[in-house]
């Protein structure tokens, strides 16, 4: 959704800016001019979206790494408790 709104804003800005440039040429607009401006605007939107995606991916990978470290720490803390419980169980039921 965010990407689509960014693209929409960039297209509107591109068209408005292009309209300002064309007025100097007495309003003569060619199809090639419009196509070029649209391509430039879409390229800028694509570049922005890829940048945002890379930043988000980096953030998610960092969070996953932190969670993995926390899980490892919890497993280390759990192992001694499991061993002591197992020993107590064997002592209780051994004859």
N, C-alpha and C. Protein backbone atom coordinates (compact mmCIF):
# COMPACT_ATOMS: atom_id res chain seq x y z
N UNK A 1 0.82 -1.19 0.00
CA UNK A 1 0.00 0.00 0.00
C UNK A 1 0.87 1.25 0.00
N UNK A 2 1.88 1.24 0.83
CA UNK A 2 2.73 2.41 0.94
C UNK A 2 3.43 2.69 -0.38
N UNK A 3 3.85 1.62 -1.06
CA UNK A 3 4.53 1.78 -2.34
C UNK A 3 3.61 2.45 -3.35
N UNK A 4 2.34 2.03 -3.37
CA UNK A 4 1.40 2.59 -4.33
C UNK A 4 1.17 4.08 -4.06
N UNK A 5 1.10 4.48 -2.81
CA UNK A 5 0.89 5.89 -2.51
C UNK A 5 2.12 6.70 -2.88
N UNK A 6 3.31 6.11 -2.69
CA UNK A 6 4.53 6.81 -3.07
C UNK A 6 4.58 6.98 -4.59
N UNK A 7 4.23 5.94 -5.30
CA UNK A 7 4.22 6.02 -6.76
C UNK A 7 3.22 7.08 -7.21
N UNK A 8 2.05 7.11 -6.61
CA UNK A 8 1.04 8.10 -6.97
C UNK A 8 1.53 9.52 -6.75
N UNK A 9 2.15 9.75 -5.62
CA UNK A 9 2.67 11.09 -5.32
C UNK A 9 3.76 11.47 -6.32
N UNK A 10 4.65 10.53 -6.60
CA UNK A 10 5.72 10.83 -7.54
C UNK A 10 5.19 11.11 -8.95
N UNK A 11 4.18 10.40 -9.37
CA UNK A 11 3.59 10.64 -10.69
C UNK A 11 2.96 12.02 -10.74
N UNK A 12 2.21 12.37 -9.71
CA UNK A 12 1.57 13.69 -9.67
C UNK A 12 2.63 14.79 -9.68
N UNK A 13 3.66 14.64 -8.87
CA UNK A 13 4.73 15.63 -8.84
C UNK A 13 5.43 15.74 -10.19
N UNK A 14 5.65 14.58 -10.80
CA UNK A 14 6.30 14.58 -12.11
C UNK A 14 5.47 15.30 -13.16
N UNK A 15 4.17 15.05 -13.15
CA UNK A 15 3.29 15.70 -14.12
C UNK A 15 3.24 17.21 -13.85
N UNK A 16 3.16 17.60 -12.59
CA UNK A 16 3.12 19.03 -12.26
C UNK A 16 4.42 19.72 -12.66
N UNK A 17 5.54 19.08 -12.36
CA UNK A 17 6.83 19.67 -12.73
C UNK A 17 6.97 19.74 -14.23
N UNK A 18 6.53 18.70 -14.89
CA UNK A 18 6.61 18.68 -16.35
C UNK A 18 5.73 19.78 -16.94
N UNK A 19 4.57 19.99 -16.37
CA UNK A 19 3.69 21.05 -16.84
C UNK A 19 4.35 22.42 -16.72
N UNK A 20 5.12 22.63 -15.66
CA UNK A 20 5.83 23.89 -15.48
C UNK A 20 6.92 24.07 -16.52
N UNK A 21 7.59 23.02 -16.92
CA UNK A 21 8.64 23.12 -17.92
C UNK A 21 8.06 23.37 -19.31
N UNK A 22 6.93 22.78 -19.57
CA UNK A 22 6.34 22.88 -20.90
C UNK A 22 5.81 24.28 -21.18
N UNK A 23 5.33 24.95 -20.17
CA UNK A 23 4.76 26.29 -20.38
C UNK A 23 5.76 27.24 -21.00
N UNK A 24 7.04 27.02 -20.74
CA UNK A 24 8.07 27.85 -21.37
C UNK A 24 8.12 27.63 -22.87
N UNK A 25 7.64 26.51 -23.35
CA UNK A 25 7.62 26.19 -24.78
C UNK A 25 6.25 26.45 -25.38
N UNK A 26 5.49 27.34 -24.79
CA UNK A 26 4.17 27.73 -25.26
C UNK A 26 3.18 26.58 -25.28
N UNK A 27 3.30 25.64 -24.33
CA UNK A 27 2.32 24.57 -24.18
C UNK A 27 2.43 23.44 -25.17
N UNK A 28 3.51 23.35 -25.92
CA UNK A 28 3.67 22.25 -26.87
C UNK A 28 4.22 21.03 -26.13
N UNK A 29 3.43 19.98 -26.07
CA UNK A 29 3.83 18.75 -25.40
C UNK A 29 3.79 17.62 -26.41
N UNK A 30 4.86 16.87 -26.44
CA UNK A 30 4.88 15.72 -27.34
C UNK A 30 4.71 14.44 -26.53
N UNK A 31 4.33 13.41 -27.21
CA UNK A 31 4.17 12.12 -26.55
C UNK A 31 5.49 11.61 -25.99
N UNK A 32 6.56 11.89 -26.67
CA UNK A 32 7.88 11.47 -26.21
C UNK A 32 8.27 12.14 -24.90
N UNK A 33 7.89 13.43 -24.78
CA UNK A 33 8.19 14.16 -23.55
C UNK A 33 7.44 13.56 -22.36
N UNK A 34 6.17 13.26 -22.58
CA UNK A 34 5.36 12.67 -21.52
C UNK A 34 5.90 11.29 -21.14
N UNK A 35 6.24 10.51 -22.13
CA UNK A 35 6.78 9.17 -21.88
C UNK A 35 8.09 9.25 -21.09
N UNK A 36 8.96 10.16 -21.48
CA UNK A 36 10.24 10.30 -20.78
C UNK A 36 10.03 10.69 -19.32
N UNK A 37 9.14 11.65 -19.09
CA UNK A 37 8.87 12.10 -17.72
C UNK A 37 8.24 10.97 -16.90
N UNK A 38 7.34 10.23 -17.50
CA UNK A 38 6.70 9.11 -16.80
C UNK A 38 7.73 8.04 -16.46
N UNK A 39 8.63 7.73 -17.39
CA UNK A 39 9.67 6.74 -17.13
C UNK A 39 10.59 7.19 -16.00
N UNK A 40 10.97 8.46 -16.01
CA UNK A 40 11.83 9.00 -14.96
C UNK A 40 11.14 8.90 -13.59
N UNK A 41 9.87 9.24 -13.57
CA UNK A 41 9.12 9.20 -12.32
C UNK A 41 9.00 7.76 -11.81
N UNK A 42 8.70 6.83 -12.69
CA UNK A 42 8.58 5.43 -12.28
C UNK A 42 9.92 4.85 -11.84
N UNK A 43 11.00 5.26 -12.51
CA UNK A 43 12.32 4.81 -12.08
C UNK A 43 12.65 5.31 -10.68
N UNK A 44 12.29 6.56 -10.40
CA UNK A 44 12.54 7.11 -9.07
C UNK A 44 11.71 6.35 -8.02
N UNK A 45 10.47 6.04 -8.34
CA UNK A 45 9.61 5.31 -7.42
C UNK A 45 10.15 3.90 -7.18
N UNK A 46 10.62 3.26 -8.23
CA UNK A 46 11.17 1.91 -8.11
C UNK A 46 12.43 1.93 -7.24
N UNK A 47 13.28 2.91 -7.47
CA UNK A 47 14.51 3.03 -6.67
C UNK A 47 14.18 3.23 -5.19
N UNK A 48 13.20 4.07 -4.91
CA UNK A 48 12.78 4.33 -3.53
C UNK A 48 12.22 3.06 -2.90
N UNK A 49 11.40 2.34 -3.63
CA UNK A 49 10.80 1.11 -3.10
C UNK A 49 11.87 0.07 -2.80
N UNK A 50 12.84 -0.08 -3.67
CA UNK A 50 13.92 -1.04 -3.44
C UNK A 50 14.76 -0.64 -2.23
N UNK A 51 14.97 0.64 -2.05
CA UNK A 51 15.71 1.12 -0.88
C UNK A 51 14.95 0.80 0.41
N UNK A 52 13.65 1.07 0.40
CA UNK A 52 12.83 0.79 1.58
C UNK A 52 12.80 -0.71 1.88
N UNK A 53 12.74 -1.52 0.84
CA UNK A 53 12.72 -2.97 1.01
C UNK A 53 14.03 -3.44 1.63
N UNK A 54 15.15 -2.92 1.16
CA UNK A 54 16.46 -3.31 1.69
C UNK A 54 16.59 -2.92 3.16
N UNK A 55 16.13 -1.73 3.51
CA UNK A 55 16.19 -1.29 4.91
C UNK A 55 15.32 -2.17 5.80
N UNK A 56 14.13 -2.50 5.34
CA UNK A 56 13.22 -3.35 6.11
C UNK A 56 13.80 -4.74 6.28
N UNK A 57 14.37 -5.28 5.21
CA UNK A 57 14.95 -6.62 5.27
C UNK A 57 16.11 -6.65 6.26
N UNK A 58 16.93 -5.61 6.27
CA UNK A 58 18.05 -5.54 7.21
C UNK A 58 17.53 -5.50 8.65
N UNK A 59 16.47 -4.73 8.88
CA UNK A 59 15.89 -4.62 10.21
C UNK A 59 15.35 -5.98 10.68
N UNK A 60 14.64 -6.67 9.80
CA UNK A 60 14.06 -7.98 10.15
C UNK A 60 15.16 -9.00 10.42
N UNK A 61 16.22 -9.00 9.61
CA UNK A 61 17.31 -9.94 9.82
C UNK A 61 18.00 -9.68 11.16
N UNK A 62 18.15 -8.42 11.53
CA UNK A 62 18.76 -8.09 12.81
C UNK A 62 17.88 -8.58 13.96
N UNK A 63 16.58 -8.37 13.86
CA UNK A 63 15.67 -8.83 14.91
C UNK A 63 15.67 -10.35 15.02
N UNK A 64 15.72 -11.04 13.89
CA UNK A 64 15.78 -12.51 13.91
C UNK A 64 17.06 -12.99 14.57
N UNK A 65 18.15 -12.31 14.29
CA UNK A 65 19.42 -12.67 14.91
C UNK A 65 19.36 -12.50 16.43
N UNK A 66 18.78 -11.39 16.87
CA UNK A 66 18.63 -11.16 18.31
C UNK A 66 17.73 -12.22 18.96
N UNK A 67 16.65 -12.58 18.28
CA UNK A 67 15.77 -13.62 18.82
C UNK A 67 16.47 -14.96 18.89
N UNK A 68 17.28 -15.27 17.88
CA UNK A 68 18.04 -16.52 17.89
C UNK A 68 19.00 -16.57 19.07
N UNK A 69 19.64 -15.44 19.35
CA UNK A 69 20.55 -15.38 20.50
C UNK A 69 19.79 -15.57 21.80
N UNK A 70 18.63 -14.96 21.92
CA UNK A 70 17.81 -15.12 23.13
C UNK A 70 17.36 -16.57 23.31
N UNK A 71 16.97 -17.20 22.23
CA UNK A 71 16.55 -18.61 22.29
C UNK A 71 17.72 -19.48 22.74
N UNK A 72 18.91 -19.22 22.19
CA UNK A 72 20.09 -19.98 22.59
C UNK A 72 20.39 -19.81 24.07
N UNK A 73 20.26 -18.58 24.56
CA UNK A 73 20.50 -18.31 25.98
C UNK A 73 19.49 -19.05 26.86
N UNK A 74 18.22 -19.03 26.46
CA UNK A 74 17.20 -19.74 27.23
C UNK A 74 17.44 -21.24 27.23
N UNK A 75 17.89 -21.78 26.12
CA UNK A 75 18.18 -23.22 26.07
C UNK A 75 19.32 -23.58 27.01
N UNK A 76 20.33 -22.72 27.06
CA UNK A 76 21.46 -22.98 27.97
C UNK A 76 20.99 -22.95 29.43
N UNK A 77 20.11 -22.02 29.75
CA UNK A 77 19.61 -21.92 31.12
C UNK A 77 18.70 -23.10 31.45
N UNK A 78 18.03 -23.65 30.47
CA UNK A 78 17.09 -24.74 30.70
C UNK A 78 17.80 -26.07 30.91
N UNK A 79 18.89 -26.32 30.25
CA UNK A 79 19.58 -27.62 30.32
C UNK A 79 19.98 -28.01 31.75
N UNK A 80 20.60 -27.14 32.54
CA UNK A 80 20.94 -27.56 33.91
C UNK A 80 19.70 -27.89 34.74
N UNK A 81 18.64 -27.20 34.56
CA UNK A 81 17.41 -27.47 35.32
C UNK A 81 16.84 -28.83 34.93
N UNK A 82 16.88 -29.13 33.65
CA UNK A 82 16.38 -30.43 33.20
C UNK A 82 17.22 -31.56 33.80
N UNK A 83 18.52 -31.39 33.83
CA UNK A 83 19.41 -32.43 34.35
C UNK A 83 19.16 -32.65 35.83
N UNK A 84 18.97 -31.56 36.59
CA UNK A 84 18.74 -31.73 38.03
C UNK A 84 17.39 -32.40 38.28
N UNK A 85 16.42 -32.09 37.51
CA UNK A 85 15.11 -32.75 37.68
C UNK A 85 15.19 -34.22 37.36
N UNK A 86 15.94 -34.53 36.33
CA UNK A 86 16.09 -35.92 35.92
C UNK A 86 16.79 -36.72 37.03
N UNK A 87 17.82 -36.12 37.64
CA UNK A 87 18.53 -36.79 38.73
C UNK A 87 17.63 -37.02 39.93
N UNK A 88 16.82 -36.04 40.28
CA UNK A 88 15.89 -36.19 41.40
C UNK A 88 14.88 -37.28 41.12
N UNK A 89 14.43 -37.34 39.89
CA UNK A 89 13.44 -38.36 39.52
C UNK A 89 14.04 -39.76 39.70
N UNK A 90 15.27 -39.93 39.23
CA UNK A 90 15.90 -41.25 39.33
C UNK A 90 16.12 -41.63 40.80
N UNK A 91 16.53 -40.67 41.64
CA UNK A 91 16.75 -40.96 43.05
C UNK A 91 15.44 -41.33 43.74
N UNK A 92 14.38 -40.63 43.40
CA UNK A 92 13.10 -40.86 44.06
C UNK A 92 12.57 -42.25 43.77
N UNK A 93 12.70 -42.71 42.54
CA UNK A 93 12.11 -43.98 42.15
C UNK A 93 13.09 -45.16 42.17
N UNK A 94 14.33 -44.88 42.47
CA UNK A 94 15.30 -45.99 42.52
C UNK A 94 15.12 -46.76 43.84
N UNK A 95 15.31 -48.03 43.80
CA UNK A 95 15.14 -48.83 45.00
C UNK A 95 16.44 -49.37 45.51
